[in-house]
Amino acid sequence: MHLNQRMAAEKLGITEAAVSQYFKNKRGSDMKFSKELKNEIRKAAKEIATSKKEYVVIQQICALCYMFRSRMLLCKFHKIDDKKPKGCKVCEEVCK
């Protein structure tokens, strides 16, 4: 199922402008994912797009967040942009 910008924004609870920025690669374009992660993101997106259950959005985003934290990916993305807060240990502490 393909969602237009309005539908995607409604499902995710964000603005159409934010969705537009992702589609136009103005946000998130410098993030590179492994093939495995891309597959997980696609699966979550498909589940969100096709499900009529409201909780699925939260369920899928939480699952992706857990995967990112447990693999220390947020730390890697912070390092790419050199925006890691000094002394940040969020991933380490949350995923003990």
Protein backbone atom coordinates (compact mmCIF):
# COMPACT_ATOMS: atom_id res chain seq x y z
CA MET A 1 0.00 0.00 0.00
CA HIS A 2 1.40 3.37 -0.99
CA LEU A 3 0.50 6.33 1.22
CA ASN A 4 0.49 9.89 -0.02
CA GLN A 5 2.07 12.60 2.13
CA ARG A 6 -1.18 13.52 3.86
CA MET A 7 -2.00 9.92 4.74
CA ALA A 8 1.54 9.25 5.98
CA ALA A 9 1.46 12.38 8.13
CA GLU A 10 -1.89 11.38 9.64
CA LYS A 11 -0.72 7.83 10.40
CA LEU A 12 2.50 9.04 12.03
CA GLY A 13 1.04 12.07 13.80
CA ILE A 14 3.43 14.51 12.13
CA THR A 15 2.99 17.36 9.67
CA GLU A 16 2.80 16.98 5.91
CA ALA A 17 5.77 19.36 5.72
CA ALA A 18 7.89 16.94 7.76
CA VAL A 19 6.92 14.03 5.50
CA SER A 20 7.74 16.17 2.46
CA GLN A 21 11.22 16.91 3.80
CA TYR A 22 11.95 13.18 4.14
CA PHE A 23 10.65 12.45 0.63
CA LYS A 24 12.80 15.27 -0.79
CA ASN A 25 15.87 14.07 1.19
CA LYS A 26 16.06 17.31 3.17
CA ARG A 27 15.99 15.26 6.39
CA GLY A 28 17.71 12.00 7.15
CA SER A 29 19.46 11.69 3.80
CA ASP A 30 22.90 11.35 5.39
CA MET A 31 21.86 8.29 7.41
CA LYS A 32 23.10 5.02 5.93
CA PHE A 33 21.56 1.71 6.97
CA SER A 34 22.68 -1.86 6.51
CA LYS A 35 20.62 -4.13 4.27
CA GLU A 36 19.23 -5.88 7.36
CA LEU A 37 18.11 -2.59 8.93
CA LYS A 38 16.56 -1.39 5.68
CA ASN A 39 14.53 -4.61 5.58
CA GLU A 40 13.36 -4.10 9.18
CA ILE A 41 12.39 -0.49 8.43
CA ARG A 42 10.51 -1.56 5.29
CA LYS A 43 8.65 -4.27 7.24
CA ALA A 44 7.65 -1.75 9.90
CA ALA A 45 6.57 0.79 7.26
CA LYS A 46 4.46 -1.81 5.47
CA GLU A 47 2.83 -2.87 8.74
CA ILE A 48 2.08 0.76 9.64
CA ALA A 49 0.73 1.55 6.17
CA THR A 50 -1.56 -1.47 5.94
CA SER A 51 -2.81 -1.83 9.50
CA LYS A 52 -6.07 -0.26 10.57
CA LYS A 53 -5.15 -0.62 14.26
CA GLU A 54 -3.96 2.66 15.78
CA TYR A 55 -1.53 1.01 18.20
CA VAL A 56 0.52 -0.51 15.36
CA VAL A 57 2.31 2.80 14.72
CA ILE A 58 3.53 2.96 18.31
CA GLN A 59 4.31 -0.76 18.37
CA GLN A 60 6.46 -0.63 15.24
CA ILE A 61 8.25 2.60 16.14
CA CYS A 62 9.03 1.23 19.62
CA ALA A 63 10.41 -1.97 18.09
CA LEU A 64 12.64 0.03 15.72
CA CYS A 65 13.79 2.31 18.54
CA TYR A 66 14.70 -0.68 20.69
CA MET A 67 16.65 -2.20 17.81
CA PHE A 68 18.52 1.09 17.23
CA ARG A 69 19.34 1.52 20.92
CA SER A 70 20.38 -2.08 21.52
CA ARG A 71 22.78 -1.95 18.57
CA MET A 72 24.13 1.45 19.63
CA LEU A 73 23.05 2.92 16.29
CA LEU A 74 21.92 6.22 17.78
CA CYS A 75 25.46 6.69 19.08
CA LYS A 76 26.82 6.03 15.59
CA PHE A 77 24.45 8.59 14.06
CA HIS A 78 25.38 11.14 16.71
CA LYS A 79 29.04 10.62 15.85
CA ILE A 80 28.36 11.17 12.14
CA ASP A 81 26.96 14.64 12.82
CA ASP A 82 29.32 15.21 15.75
CA LYS A 83 26.25 16.01 17.83
CA LYS A 84 26.64 13.40 20.55
CA PRO A 85 25.97 15.13 23.86
CA LYS A 86 29.03 15.06 26.11
CA GLY A 87 28.87 12.08 28.47
CA CYS A 88 25.78 10.63 26.77
CA LYS A 89 25.10 7.05 27.91
CA VAL A 90 21.44 6.74 26.94
CA CYS A 91 21.85 3.62 24.81
CA GLU A 92 24.08 1.93 27.37
CA GLU A 93 21.75 2.63 30.29
CA VAL A 94 18.45 1.88 28.55
CA CYS A 95 19.62 -1.44 27.10
CA LYS A 96 21.25 -2.98 30.19
